[in-house]
N, C-alpha and C. Protein backbone atom coordinates (compact mmCIF):
# COMPACT_ATOMS: atom_id res chain seq x y z
N MET A 1 156.04 6.58 -42.87
CA MET A 1 155.64 5.19 -42.64
C MET A 1 155.23 4.98 -41.18
N LYS A 2 156.01 5.60 -40.23
CA LYS A 2 155.66 5.46 -38.83
C LYS A 2 154.30 6.08 -38.55
N ARG A 3 154.01 7.22 -39.22
CA ARG A 3 152.71 7.86 -39.01
C ARG A 3 151.59 6.98 -39.51
N ASN A 4 151.78 6.32 -40.67
CA ASN A 4 150.76 5.42 -41.21
C ASN A 4 150.55 4.22 -40.30
N LEU A 5 151.67 3.68 -39.76
CA LEU A 5 151.57 2.54 -38.86
C LEU A 5 150.81 2.92 -37.60
N ALA A 6 151.12 4.09 -37.05
CA ALA A 6 150.42 4.53 -35.84
C ALA A 6 148.93 4.71 -36.10
N ALA A 7 148.60 5.26 -37.27
CA ALA A 7 147.18 5.45 -37.62
C ALA A 7 146.48 4.12 -37.74
N ALA A 8 147.16 3.14 -38.36
CA ALA A 8 146.55 1.82 -38.53
C ALA A 8 146.32 1.14 -37.19
N LEU A 9 147.30 1.26 -36.27
CA LEU A 9 147.13 0.66 -34.95
C LEU A 9 146.01 1.36 -34.18
N GLY A 10 145.88 2.66 -34.37
CA GLY A 10 144.80 3.39 -33.71
C GLY A 10 143.43 2.93 -34.18
N LEU A 11 143.31 2.70 -35.48
CA LEU A 11 142.04 2.22 -36.03
C LEU A 11 141.72 0.82 -35.52
N LEU A 12 142.77 -0.03 -35.42
CA LEU A 12 142.54 -1.39 -34.91
C LEU A 12 142.07 -1.35 -33.47
N ALA A 13 142.71 -0.52 -32.65
CA ALA A 13 142.31 -0.42 -31.25
C ALA A 13 140.88 0.09 -31.13
N ALA A 14 140.54 1.07 -31.96
CA ALA A 14 139.18 1.63 -31.91
C ALA A 14 138.15 0.60 -32.33
N SER A 15 138.49 -0.24 -33.32
CA SER A 15 137.53 -1.23 -33.80
C SER A 15 137.27 -2.31 -32.77
N LEU A 16 138.26 -2.58 -31.91
CA LEU A 16 138.10 -3.63 -30.92
C LEU A 16 137.66 -3.10 -29.55
N ALA A 17 137.66 -1.80 -29.36
CA ALA A 17 137.25 -1.25 -28.08
C ALA A 17 135.76 -1.44 -27.88
N PRO A 18 135.33 -1.90 -26.69
CA PRO A 18 133.91 -2.09 -26.45
C PRO A 18 133.16 -0.76 -26.44
N ALA A 19 132.14 -0.66 -27.25
CA ALA A 19 131.36 0.57 -27.32
C ALA A 19 130.33 0.60 -26.21
N THR A 20 129.99 1.78 -25.75
CA THR A 20 128.99 1.90 -24.72
C THR A 20 127.59 2.02 -25.32
N ALA A 21 127.48 2.66 -26.49
CA ALA A 21 126.17 2.83 -27.12
C ALA A 21 125.68 1.49 -27.63
N GLY A 22 124.48 1.13 -27.24
CA GLY A 22 123.89 -0.11 -27.73
C GLY A 22 124.44 -1.35 -27.07
N ALA A 23 125.25 -1.23 -26.03
CA ALA A 23 125.81 -2.40 -25.36
C ALA A 23 124.71 -3.16 -24.63
N GLN A 24 124.75 -4.48 -24.76
CA GLN A 24 123.74 -5.34 -24.14
C GLN A 24 124.42 -6.37 -23.25
N PRO A 25 123.99 -6.51 -21.98
CA PRO A 25 124.55 -7.55 -21.12
C PRO A 25 124.12 -8.93 -21.61
N MET A 26 124.99 -9.90 -21.46
CA MET A 26 124.69 -11.27 -21.85
C MET A 26 124.51 -12.12 -20.59
N SER A 27 123.64 -13.11 -20.68
CA SER A 27 123.37 -13.96 -19.53
C SER A 27 124.53 -14.92 -19.30
N ILE A 28 124.90 -15.11 -18.03
CA ILE A 28 126.02 -15.95 -17.64
C ILE A 28 125.53 -17.02 -16.66
N VAL A 29 125.99 -18.26 -16.85
CA VAL A 29 125.67 -19.33 -15.90
C VAL A 29 126.94 -20.09 -15.54
N SER A 30 126.96 -20.62 -14.34
CA SER A 30 128.06 -21.47 -13.89
C SER A 30 127.73 -22.92 -14.18
N VAL A 31 128.72 -23.66 -14.65
CA VAL A 31 128.55 -25.08 -14.95
C VAL A 31 129.73 -25.84 -14.38
N GLY A 32 129.62 -27.17 -14.36
CA GLY A 32 130.69 -28.01 -13.87
C GLY A 32 131.17 -28.96 -14.94
N ALA A 33 132.42 -29.38 -14.80
CA ALA A 33 133.00 -30.38 -15.69
C ALA A 33 133.15 -31.69 -14.90
N PRO A 34 132.95 -32.83 -15.57
CA PRO A 34 132.75 -32.99 -17.02
C PRO A 34 131.30 -32.94 -17.48
N ALA A 35 130.36 -32.61 -16.60
CA ALA A 35 128.95 -32.65 -16.97
C ALA A 35 128.63 -31.75 -18.15
N ILE A 36 129.30 -30.61 -18.26
CA ILE A 36 129.02 -29.69 -19.36
C ILE A 36 129.29 -30.33 -20.72
N ASN A 37 130.20 -31.31 -20.76
CA ASN A 37 130.49 -31.97 -22.04
C ASN A 37 129.26 -32.68 -22.61
N CYS A 38 128.33 -33.07 -21.76
CA CYS A 38 127.14 -33.79 -22.23
C CYS A 38 126.23 -32.89 -23.06
N VAL A 39 126.37 -31.57 -22.93
CA VAL A 39 125.62 -30.65 -23.78
C VAL A 39 126.13 -30.71 -25.21
N PHE A 40 127.41 -31.01 -25.36
CA PHE A 40 128.06 -30.96 -26.68
C PHE A 40 128.30 -32.33 -27.30
N SER A 41 128.11 -33.40 -26.53
CA SER A 41 128.41 -34.73 -27.04
C SER A 41 127.51 -35.75 -26.37
N ALA A 42 126.93 -36.65 -27.16
CA ALA A 42 126.08 -37.70 -26.61
C ALA A 42 126.87 -38.65 -25.72
N SER A 43 128.19 -38.75 -25.96
CA SER A 43 129.05 -39.61 -25.16
C SER A 43 129.66 -38.86 -23.97
N CYS A 44 129.36 -37.56 -23.85
CA CYS A 44 129.89 -36.70 -22.79
C CYS A 44 131.41 -36.58 -22.82
N SER A 45 131.98 -36.71 -24.02
CA SER A 45 133.42 -36.54 -24.21
C SER A 45 133.63 -35.75 -25.50
N VAL A 46 134.51 -34.77 -25.47
CA VAL A 46 134.75 -33.94 -26.65
C VAL A 46 136.25 -33.90 -26.96
N THR A 47 136.56 -33.70 -28.24
CA THR A 47 137.93 -33.51 -28.68
C THR A 47 138.12 -32.04 -28.99
N VAL A 48 139.08 -31.42 -28.33
CA VAL A 48 139.23 -29.96 -28.41
C VAL A 48 140.49 -29.59 -29.16
N ASN A 49 140.50 -28.37 -29.68
CA ASN A 49 141.68 -27.76 -30.29
C ASN A 49 142.08 -26.56 -29.43
N ASP A 50 143.32 -26.54 -28.97
CA ASP A 50 143.82 -25.49 -28.10
C ASP A 50 144.89 -24.65 -28.78
N VAL A 51 144.84 -23.36 -28.57
CA VAL A 51 145.89 -22.44 -28.98
C VAL A 51 146.28 -21.63 -27.75
N ALA A 52 147.55 -21.65 -27.39
CA ALA A 52 148.05 -20.89 -26.24
C ALA A 52 149.04 -19.85 -26.72
N THR A 53 148.77 -18.58 -26.44
CA THR A 53 149.61 -17.48 -26.88
C THR A 53 150.28 -16.83 -25.67
N PRO A 54 151.61 -16.77 -25.64
CA PRO A 54 152.31 -16.20 -24.49
C PRO A 54 151.95 -14.74 -24.24
N MET A 55 151.96 -14.34 -22.97
CA MET A 55 151.69 -12.97 -22.59
C MET A 55 152.33 -12.66 -21.25
N LEU A 56 152.69 -11.42 -21.02
CA LEU A 56 153.17 -10.92 -19.74
C LEU A 56 154.27 -11.80 -19.15
N ARG A 57 155.19 -12.23 -20.01
CA ARG A 57 156.41 -12.92 -19.59
C ARG A 57 156.16 -14.11 -18.69
N GLY A 58 155.47 -15.08 -19.19
CA GLY A 58 155.24 -16.31 -18.44
C GLY A 58 153.79 -16.74 -18.38
N GLY A 59 152.86 -15.83 -18.70
CA GLY A 59 151.46 -16.19 -18.75
C GLY A 59 151.05 -16.53 -20.17
N PHE A 60 149.78 -16.90 -20.36
CA PHE A 60 149.30 -17.15 -21.71
C PHE A 60 147.78 -17.00 -21.79
N LEU A 61 147.33 -16.69 -22.99
CA LEU A 61 145.92 -16.69 -23.34
C LEU A 61 145.61 -18.00 -24.04
N GLN A 62 144.61 -18.72 -23.56
CA GLN A 62 144.23 -20.00 -24.16
C GLN A 62 142.90 -19.86 -24.87
N SER A 63 142.87 -20.25 -26.15
CA SER A 63 141.64 -20.34 -26.92
C SER A 63 141.36 -21.81 -27.18
N ARG A 64 140.16 -22.25 -26.89
CA ARG A 64 139.78 -23.66 -27.07
C ARG A 64 138.54 -23.72 -27.95
N THR A 65 138.58 -24.53 -29.00
CA THR A 65 137.43 -24.67 -29.89
C THR A 65 137.11 -26.14 -30.12
N PHE A 66 135.84 -26.41 -30.31
CA PHE A 66 135.38 -27.74 -30.72
C PHE A 66 133.95 -27.61 -31.21
N GLN A 67 133.46 -28.63 -31.90
CA GLN A 67 132.13 -28.58 -32.50
C GLN A 67 131.19 -29.54 -31.80
N GLY A 68 129.94 -29.09 -31.61
CA GLY A 68 128.92 -29.96 -31.05
C GLY A 68 128.70 -31.16 -31.95
N GLU A 69 128.68 -32.34 -31.35
CA GLU A 69 128.59 -33.58 -32.12
C GLU A 69 127.15 -33.93 -32.48
N PRO A 70 126.95 -34.69 -33.56
CA PRO A 70 125.60 -35.12 -33.94
C PRO A 70 124.93 -35.85 -32.77
N GLY A 71 123.65 -35.56 -32.57
CA GLY A 71 122.90 -36.18 -31.49
C GLY A 71 122.95 -35.41 -30.18
N SER A 72 123.78 -34.38 -30.12
CA SER A 72 123.85 -33.55 -28.90
C SER A 72 122.96 -32.33 -29.07
N ARG A 73 122.70 -31.62 -27.98
CA ARG A 73 121.88 -30.41 -28.04
C ARG A 73 122.58 -29.28 -28.77
N ALA A 74 123.90 -29.36 -28.88
CA ALA A 74 124.66 -28.33 -29.58
C ALA A 74 125.14 -28.80 -30.95
N ALA A 75 124.48 -29.80 -31.50
CA ALA A 75 124.93 -30.40 -32.76
C ALA A 75 125.15 -29.34 -33.84
N GLY A 76 126.34 -29.35 -34.45
CA GLY A 76 126.65 -28.43 -35.53
C GLY A 76 127.16 -27.08 -35.10
N LYS A 77 126.95 -26.70 -33.84
CA LYS A 77 127.43 -25.40 -33.35
C LYS A 77 128.90 -25.52 -32.94
N TRP A 78 129.60 -24.39 -33.03
CA TRP A 78 130.99 -24.32 -32.59
C TRP A 78 131.06 -23.72 -31.21
N VAL A 79 131.89 -24.31 -30.37
CA VAL A 79 132.08 -23.84 -29.00
C VAL A 79 133.42 -23.10 -28.94
N TYR A 80 133.39 -21.90 -28.34
CA TYR A 80 134.59 -21.07 -28.17
C TYR A 80 134.80 -20.83 -26.68
N GLU A 81 135.88 -21.38 -26.15
CA GLU A 81 136.21 -21.18 -24.74
C GLU A 81 137.54 -20.42 -24.65
N TYR A 82 137.66 -19.62 -23.60
CA TYR A 82 138.87 -18.84 -23.38
C TYR A 82 139.30 -18.96 -21.92
N ARG A 83 140.61 -18.79 -21.71
CA ARG A 83 141.15 -18.79 -20.34
C ARG A 83 142.42 -17.95 -20.31
N ILE A 84 142.57 -17.16 -19.25
CA ILE A 84 143.80 -16.41 -19.00
C ILE A 84 144.56 -17.12 -17.88
N ASN A 85 145.81 -17.48 -18.15
CA ASN A 85 146.64 -18.15 -17.15
C ASN A 85 147.86 -17.27 -16.84
N LEU A 86 147.90 -16.74 -15.61
CA LEU A 86 149.02 -15.90 -15.19
C LEU A 86 149.79 -16.55 -14.04
N THR A 87 149.71 -17.89 -13.92
CA THR A 87 150.34 -18.56 -12.79
C THR A 87 151.85 -18.36 -12.76
N ARG A 88 152.45 -18.10 -13.95
CA ARG A 88 153.90 -17.88 -13.98
C ARG A 88 154.24 -16.54 -14.63
N ALA A 89 153.31 -15.63 -14.60
CA ALA A 89 153.52 -14.33 -15.26
C ALA A 89 154.36 -13.40 -14.41
N THR A 90 154.74 -12.27 -15.02
CA THR A 90 155.51 -11.24 -14.33
C THR A 90 154.82 -10.83 -13.03
N PRO A 91 155.53 -10.78 -11.91
CA PRO A 91 154.93 -10.31 -10.66
C PRO A 91 154.30 -8.93 -10.84
N ALA A 92 153.16 -8.74 -10.19
CA ALA A 92 152.39 -7.49 -10.23
C ALA A 92 151.57 -7.32 -11.49
N ALA A 93 151.68 -8.23 -12.44
CA ALA A 93 150.84 -8.15 -13.64
C ALA A 93 149.41 -8.56 -13.31
N ASN A 94 148.45 -7.95 -14.01
CA ASN A 94 147.07 -8.42 -13.88
C ASN A 94 146.30 -8.13 -15.15
N VAL A 95 145.18 -8.82 -15.30
CA VAL A 95 144.29 -8.67 -16.45
C VAL A 95 142.88 -8.43 -15.93
N THR A 96 142.17 -7.48 -16.53
CA THR A 96 140.82 -7.16 -16.07
C THR A 96 139.73 -7.49 -17.08
N ALA A 97 140.10 -7.65 -18.37
CA ALA A 97 139.06 -7.90 -19.38
C ALA A 97 139.67 -8.51 -20.63
N VAL A 98 138.81 -9.18 -21.40
CA VAL A 98 139.16 -9.71 -22.72
C VAL A 98 138.04 -9.31 -23.68
N THR A 99 138.40 -8.79 -24.85
CA THR A 99 137.42 -8.39 -25.86
C THR A 99 137.65 -9.19 -27.13
N VAL A 100 136.56 -9.75 -27.68
CA VAL A 100 136.62 -10.60 -28.86
C VAL A 100 135.66 -10.06 -29.92
N ASP A 101 136.14 -9.95 -31.15
CA ASP A 101 135.26 -9.66 -32.29
C ASP A 101 134.59 -10.97 -32.66
N PHE A 102 133.37 -11.14 -32.13
CA PHE A 102 132.70 -12.43 -32.27
C PHE A 102 131.77 -12.49 -33.47
N GLY A 103 131.66 -11.41 -34.22
CA GLY A 103 130.81 -11.42 -35.39
C GLY A 103 129.35 -11.21 -35.05
N PRO A 104 128.47 -11.30 -36.04
CA PRO A 104 127.07 -10.95 -35.84
C PRO A 104 126.22 -12.02 -35.18
N ALA A 105 126.71 -13.27 -35.11
CA ALA A 105 125.86 -14.36 -34.64
C ALA A 105 126.42 -15.01 -33.38
N VAL A 106 125.61 -15.02 -32.31
CA VAL A 106 125.97 -15.70 -31.08
C VAL A 106 124.83 -16.65 -30.74
N GLY A 107 125.18 -17.89 -30.40
CA GLY A 107 124.14 -18.87 -30.10
C GLY A 107 123.76 -18.88 -28.63
N SER A 108 122.59 -19.39 -28.33
CA SER A 108 122.16 -19.58 -26.94
C SER A 108 121.69 -21.01 -26.77
N LEU A 109 121.83 -21.53 -25.56
CA LEU A 109 121.50 -22.91 -25.27
C LEU A 109 121.35 -23.04 -23.76
N ASP A 110 120.59 -24.03 -23.32
CA ASP A 110 120.48 -24.30 -21.89
C ASP A 110 121.74 -25.05 -21.45
N PHE A 111 122.68 -24.33 -20.85
CA PHE A 111 123.93 -24.94 -20.43
C PHE A 111 123.86 -25.58 -19.05
N ASP A 112 123.00 -25.03 -18.17
CA ASP A 112 123.00 -25.49 -16.78
C ASP A 112 121.79 -26.34 -16.40
N GLY A 113 120.96 -26.72 -17.37
CA GLY A 113 119.87 -27.66 -17.11
C GLY A 113 118.65 -27.08 -16.45
N ASP A 114 118.44 -25.75 -16.52
CA ASP A 114 117.25 -25.17 -15.91
C ASP A 114 116.16 -24.85 -16.92
N SER A 115 116.33 -25.35 -18.16
CA SER A 115 115.35 -25.18 -19.25
C SER A 115 115.23 -23.74 -19.73
N MET A 116 116.23 -22.91 -19.41
CA MET A 116 116.25 -21.53 -19.87
C MET A 116 117.47 -21.32 -20.77
N PRO A 117 117.32 -20.56 -21.87
CA PRO A 117 118.47 -20.34 -22.75
C PRO A 117 119.53 -19.45 -22.10
N ASP A 118 120.78 -19.84 -22.26
CA ASP A 118 121.92 -19.10 -21.72
C ASP A 118 122.84 -18.70 -22.86
N GLU A 119 123.62 -17.63 -22.65
CA GLU A 119 124.52 -17.15 -23.69
C GLU A 119 125.99 -17.39 -23.37
N VAL A 120 126.35 -17.38 -22.10
CA VAL A 120 127.74 -17.56 -21.69
C VAL A 120 127.79 -18.59 -20.56
N PHE A 121 128.73 -19.53 -20.64
CA PHE A 121 128.91 -20.47 -19.55
C PHE A 121 130.32 -20.34 -18.99
N VAL A 122 130.43 -20.56 -17.67
CA VAL A 122 131.72 -20.49 -16.98
C VAL A 122 131.89 -21.80 -16.22
N VAL A 123 133.00 -22.50 -16.48
CA VAL A 123 133.24 -23.81 -15.86
C VAL A 123 133.89 -23.57 -14.50
N THR A 124 133.05 -23.46 -13.46
CA THR A 124 133.54 -23.06 -12.14
C THR A 124 133.87 -24.24 -11.23
N SER A 125 133.60 -25.46 -11.67
CA SER A 125 133.95 -26.63 -10.86
C SER A 125 134.41 -27.77 -11.76
N GLY A 126 135.32 -28.57 -11.25
CA GLY A 126 135.82 -29.71 -11.99
C GLY A 126 136.84 -29.37 -13.06
N ALA A 127 137.33 -28.14 -13.07
CA ALA A 127 138.30 -27.72 -14.09
C ALA A 127 139.23 -26.68 -13.48
N LEU A 128 140.14 -26.16 -14.29
CA LEU A 128 141.15 -25.22 -13.83
C LEU A 128 140.55 -23.84 -13.57
N GLY A 129 141.24 -23.06 -12.74
CA GLY A 129 140.88 -21.66 -12.59
C GLY A 129 140.31 -21.28 -11.24
N ALA A 130 140.26 -19.95 -11.00
CA ALA A 130 139.74 -19.44 -9.75
C ALA A 130 138.97 -18.13 -9.91
N VAL A 131 139.02 -17.51 -11.10
CA VAL A 131 138.36 -16.22 -11.33
C VAL A 131 137.50 -16.34 -12.59
N GLY A 132 136.28 -15.82 -12.52
CA GLY A 132 135.40 -15.85 -13.68
C GLY A 132 134.92 -14.48 -14.05
N PRO A 133 134.35 -14.32 -15.25
CA PRO A 133 133.79 -13.02 -15.63
C PRO A 133 132.56 -12.69 -14.79
N SER A 134 132.52 -11.47 -14.28
CA SER A 134 131.36 -11.03 -13.52
C SER A 134 130.33 -10.37 -14.43
N SER A 135 130.79 -9.89 -15.61
CA SER A 135 129.87 -9.32 -16.58
C SER A 135 130.40 -9.62 -17.98
N VAL A 136 129.46 -9.83 -18.88
CA VAL A 136 129.78 -10.02 -20.29
C VAL A 136 128.85 -9.11 -21.08
N VAL A 137 129.43 -8.23 -21.88
CA VAL A 137 128.65 -7.22 -22.60
C VAL A 137 128.94 -7.34 -24.08
N ARG A 138 127.86 -7.30 -24.87
CA ARG A 138 127.98 -7.32 -26.33
C ARG A 138 127.63 -5.94 -26.88
N ALA A 139 128.52 -5.40 -27.70
CA ALA A 139 128.28 -4.12 -28.36
C ALA A 139 128.57 -4.31 -29.84
N GLY A 140 127.53 -4.50 -30.64
CA GLY A 140 127.73 -4.82 -32.04
C GLY A 140 128.38 -6.17 -32.18
N ARG A 141 129.52 -6.22 -32.85
CA ARG A 141 130.25 -7.46 -33.06
C ARG A 141 131.12 -7.85 -31.86
N MET A 142 131.35 -6.90 -30.96
CA MET A 142 132.32 -7.09 -29.89
C MET A 142 131.69 -7.66 -28.63
N ILE A 143 132.36 -8.63 -28.03
CA ILE A 143 131.97 -9.16 -26.73
C ILE A 143 133.12 -8.90 -25.76
N THR A 144 132.82 -8.25 -24.63
CA THR A 144 133.83 -7.97 -23.62
C THR A 144 133.51 -8.74 -22.35
N PHE A 145 134.47 -9.55 -21.92
CA PHE A 145 134.38 -10.32 -20.68
C PHE A 145 135.17 -9.56 -19.61
N ARG A 146 134.50 -9.11 -18.55
CA ARG A 146 135.17 -8.42 -17.45
C ARG A 146 135.14 -9.32 -16.21
N PHE A 147 136.28 -9.41 -15.54
CA PHE A 147 136.41 -10.37 -14.46
C PHE A 147 135.94 -9.81 -13.13
N ALA A 148 135.50 -10.72 -12.25
CA ALA A 148 134.97 -10.33 -10.95
C ALA A 148 136.01 -9.58 -10.14
N ARG A 149 137.26 -9.93 -10.31
CA ARG A 149 138.38 -9.21 -9.72
C ARG A 149 139.55 -9.35 -10.68
N PRO A 150 140.55 -8.48 -10.62
CA PRO A 150 141.68 -8.61 -11.54
C PRO A 150 142.33 -9.99 -11.43
N VAL A 151 142.69 -10.54 -12.57
CA VAL A 151 143.41 -11.81 -12.60
C VAL A 151 144.88 -11.47 -12.39
N ASN A 152 145.38 -11.74 -11.20
CA ASN A 152 146.73 -11.34 -10.84
C ASN A 152 147.75 -12.42 -11.21
N SER A 153 149.03 -12.03 -11.25
CA SER A 153 150.08 -13.01 -11.46
C SER A 153 149.98 -14.07 -10.37
N GLY A 154 150.14 -15.33 -10.78
CA GLY A 154 149.95 -16.45 -9.88
C GLY A 154 148.57 -17.07 -9.95
N ALA A 155 147.65 -16.45 -10.71
CA ALA A 155 146.27 -16.92 -10.79
C ALA A 155 145.88 -17.28 -12.22
N SER A 156 144.73 -17.92 -12.35
CA SER A 156 144.18 -18.31 -13.65
C SER A 156 142.67 -18.12 -13.62
N THR A 157 142.09 -17.79 -14.77
CA THR A 157 140.63 -17.74 -14.85
C THR A 157 140.08 -19.15 -15.06
N PHE A 158 138.78 -19.28 -14.82
CA PHE A 158 138.06 -20.45 -15.28
C PHE A 158 137.99 -20.41 -16.81
N PHE A 159 137.67 -21.53 -17.43
CA PHE A 159 137.27 -21.50 -18.83
C PHE A 159 135.90 -20.85 -18.91
N PHE A 160 135.73 -19.93 -19.86
CA PHE A 160 134.42 -19.33 -20.10
C PHE A 160 134.15 -19.41 -21.60
N GLY A 161 132.88 -19.69 -21.98
CA GLY A 161 132.62 -19.99 -23.37
C GLY A 161 131.31 -19.48 -23.91
N VAL A 162 131.25 -19.45 -25.25
CA VAL A 162 130.07 -19.04 -26.00
C VAL A 162 129.95 -19.92 -27.23
N LEU A 163 128.77 -19.87 -27.86
CA LEU A 163 128.48 -20.67 -29.05
C LEU A 163 128.37 -19.81 -30.30
N SER A 164 128.67 -20.41 -31.46
CA SER A 164 128.46 -19.73 -32.74
C SER A 164 128.28 -20.77 -33.83
N ALA A 165 127.62 -20.37 -34.90
CA ALA A 165 127.52 -21.22 -36.08
C ALA A 165 128.77 -21.10 -36.95
N GLY A 166 129.58 -20.07 -36.71
CA GLY A 166 130.76 -19.81 -37.53
C GLY A 166 131.95 -20.68 -37.16
N GLU A 167 132.68 -21.15 -38.16
CA GLU A 167 133.87 -21.96 -37.95
C GLU A 167 135.01 -21.11 -37.38
N PRO A 168 135.96 -21.75 -36.70
CA PRO A 168 137.08 -21.00 -36.11
C PRO A 168 137.98 -20.37 -37.17
N ARG A 169 138.49 -19.20 -36.83
CA ARG A 169 139.48 -18.51 -37.65
C ARG A 169 140.49 -17.85 -36.71
N PRO A 170 141.72 -17.64 -37.16
CA PRO A 170 142.67 -16.88 -36.34
C PRO A 170 142.15 -15.47 -36.10
N HIS A 171 142.33 -14.97 -34.91
CA HIS A 171 141.80 -13.66 -34.56
C HIS A 171 142.63 -13.09 -33.41
N ARG A 172 142.88 -11.79 -33.46
CA ARG A 172 143.63 -11.13 -32.41
C ARG A 172 142.67 -10.59 -31.35
N LEU A 173 142.69 -11.19 -30.17
CA LEU A 173 141.86 -10.77 -29.05
C LEU A 173 142.53 -9.62 -28.32
N ARG A 174 141.73 -8.70 -27.79
CA ARG A 174 142.28 -7.61 -27.01
C ARG A 174 142.21 -7.95 -25.53
N VAL A 175 143.36 -7.94 -24.88
CA VAL A 175 143.45 -8.21 -23.45
C VAL A 175 143.79 -6.90 -22.74
N THR A 176 143.00 -6.55 -21.72
CA THR A 176 143.24 -5.33 -20.96
C THR A 176 144.05 -5.67 -19.72
N SER A 177 145.28 -5.17 -19.69
CA SER A 177 146.21 -5.46 -18.61
C SER A 177 146.69 -4.16 -17.99
N ASN A 178 147.10 -4.22 -16.73
CA ASN A 178 147.66 -3.03 -16.10
C ASN A 178 148.99 -2.63 -16.74
N MET A 179 149.63 -3.56 -17.44
CA MET A 179 150.90 -3.27 -18.10
C MET A 179 150.72 -2.85 -19.56
N ASN A 180 149.55 -3.11 -20.10
CA ASN A 180 149.25 -2.72 -21.48
C ASN A 180 147.74 -2.79 -21.67
N PRO A 181 147.04 -1.66 -21.77
CA PRO A 181 145.58 -1.68 -21.90
C PRO A 181 145.09 -2.18 -23.25
N ASN A 182 145.98 -2.26 -24.22
CA ASN A 182 145.60 -2.73 -25.56
C ASN A 182 146.59 -3.80 -26.03
N LEU A 183 146.59 -4.92 -25.31
CA LEU A 183 147.47 -6.03 -25.65
C LEU A 183 146.72 -6.96 -26.60
N PHE A 184 147.17 -7.06 -27.85
CA PHE A 184 146.49 -7.88 -28.85
C PHE A 184 147.22 -9.22 -28.98
N LEU A 185 146.48 -10.31 -28.77
CA LEU A 185 147.07 -11.65 -28.75
C LEU A 185 146.34 -12.57 -29.71
N GLU A 186 147.10 -13.45 -30.34
CA GLU A 186 146.52 -14.41 -31.29
C GLU A 186 145.62 -15.39 -30.56
N GLY A 187 144.41 -15.57 -31.08
CA GLY A 187 143.48 -16.53 -30.52
C GLY A 187 142.57 -17.06 -31.61
N ARG A 188 141.35 -17.43 -31.23
CA ARG A 188 140.37 -17.93 -32.20
C ARG A 188 139.02 -17.27 -31.95
N ALA A 189 138.33 -16.98 -33.04
CA ALA A 189 136.98 -16.42 -33.02
C ALA A 189 136.24 -16.97 -34.22
N PRO A 190 134.91 -16.80 -34.29
CA PRO A 190 134.16 -17.37 -35.41
C PRO A 190 134.42 -16.66 -36.73
N ARG A 191 134.53 -17.44 -37.77
CA ARG A 191 134.49 -16.90 -39.13
C ARG A 191 133.06 -16.42 -39.39
N PRO A 192 132.88 -15.23 -39.97
CA PRO A 192 131.51 -14.79 -40.26
C PRO A 192 130.74 -15.83 -41.05
N VAL A 193 129.53 -16.09 -40.61
CA VAL A 193 128.73 -17.15 -41.24
C VAL A 193 128.51 -16.88 -42.71
N ARG A 194 128.31 -15.61 -43.09
CA ARG A 194 128.07 -15.29 -44.50
C ARG A 194 129.29 -15.63 -45.36
N ALA A 195 130.49 -15.37 -44.81
CA ALA A 195 131.71 -15.69 -45.57
C ALA A 195 131.87 -17.18 -45.71
N ALA A 196 131.55 -17.94 -44.65
CA ALA A 196 131.70 -19.39 -44.71
C ALA A 196 130.74 -19.98 -45.73
N ALA A 197 129.58 -19.36 -45.91
CA ALA A 197 128.59 -19.89 -46.83
C ALA A 197 128.84 -19.47 -48.27
N SER A 198 129.78 -18.57 -48.50
CA SER A 198 130.00 -18.04 -49.84
C SER A 198 131.03 -18.82 -50.65
N GLY A 199 131.49 -19.93 -50.10
CA GLY A 199 132.48 -20.73 -50.80
C GLY A 199 133.89 -20.44 -50.37
N GLU A 200 134.06 -19.57 -49.39
CA GLU A 200 135.38 -19.28 -48.87
C GLU A 200 135.91 -20.52 -48.16
N PRO A 201 137.18 -20.88 -48.34
CA PRO A 201 137.68 -22.09 -47.70
C PRO A 201 137.66 -21.97 -46.19
N PRO A 202 137.45 -23.10 -45.47
CA PRO A 202 137.38 -23.04 -44.01
C PRO A 202 138.72 -22.64 -43.40
N ALA A 203 138.65 -22.05 -42.22
CA ALA A 203 139.87 -21.63 -41.53
C ALA A 203 140.67 -22.84 -41.10
N ALA A 204 141.98 -22.70 -41.08
CA ALA A 204 142.84 -23.77 -40.59
C ALA A 204 142.57 -23.97 -39.11
N ARG A 205 142.52 -25.21 -38.69
CA ARG A 205 142.26 -25.50 -37.30
C ARG A 205 143.56 -25.63 -36.54
N PRO A 206 143.57 -25.30 -35.26
CA PRO A 206 144.76 -25.46 -34.46
C PRO A 206 145.22 -26.91 -34.45
N ALA A 207 146.53 -27.12 -34.33
CA ALA A 207 147.08 -28.46 -34.42
C ALA A 207 147.02 -29.21 -33.10
N ASP A 208 146.91 -28.52 -31.99
CA ASP A 208 146.94 -29.14 -30.67
C ASP A 208 145.57 -29.70 -30.35
N ARG A 209 145.40 -31.01 -30.48
CA ARG A 209 144.11 -31.66 -30.25
C ARG A 209 144.19 -32.53 -29.01
N ALA A 210 143.16 -32.51 -28.21
CA ALA A 210 143.16 -33.30 -26.98
C ALA A 210 141.74 -33.65 -26.61
N HIS A 211 141.57 -34.68 -25.78
CA HIS A 211 140.26 -35.05 -25.29
C HIS A 211 140.07 -34.47 -23.90
N ARG A 212 138.80 -34.24 -23.55
CA ARG A 212 138.53 -33.83 -22.16
C ARG A 212 137.24 -34.50 -21.71
């Protein structure tokens, strides 16, 4: 049984590891809050669902989801934001990357108002955080966010986000830490669009709802 469990965990780690073959960099832009909300809502206010999963003895991974409202430029699209908070984590702990199985469809939109389509936005002003991803790479279904410098204990990342047509579903994100290179934490990622269209019931939404 232990051998089967080890094999299963090995396959899971391999499936979530960012591949080098066919990897494509994604465009990243910096945005400010609350102005970024106007991309997703005509009233410039959104209601979000948050899931916070503990990590590294005092830190947490935050997954935030909400849907673009009718009349906005992101109408009907789902927004997926993530943040690593290590402000109270174990001393000497750090995180260097987060990998998400984001599925086959990623949306693009002009997030920063320069009339050019963007794939990833980072909320670098008007919100929490001090470290953002310096590179975002897509390899097949996997998206890996690598930070400009390690997110150390006592620090937090900015919120960073992407769009999808797929509804939220529970998903185990891979966090790369100096204490565990394959730390799998509960978060949210898109339900495959094909599955959502096939009559499969929608994923349960997180219970923690708030306005921003």
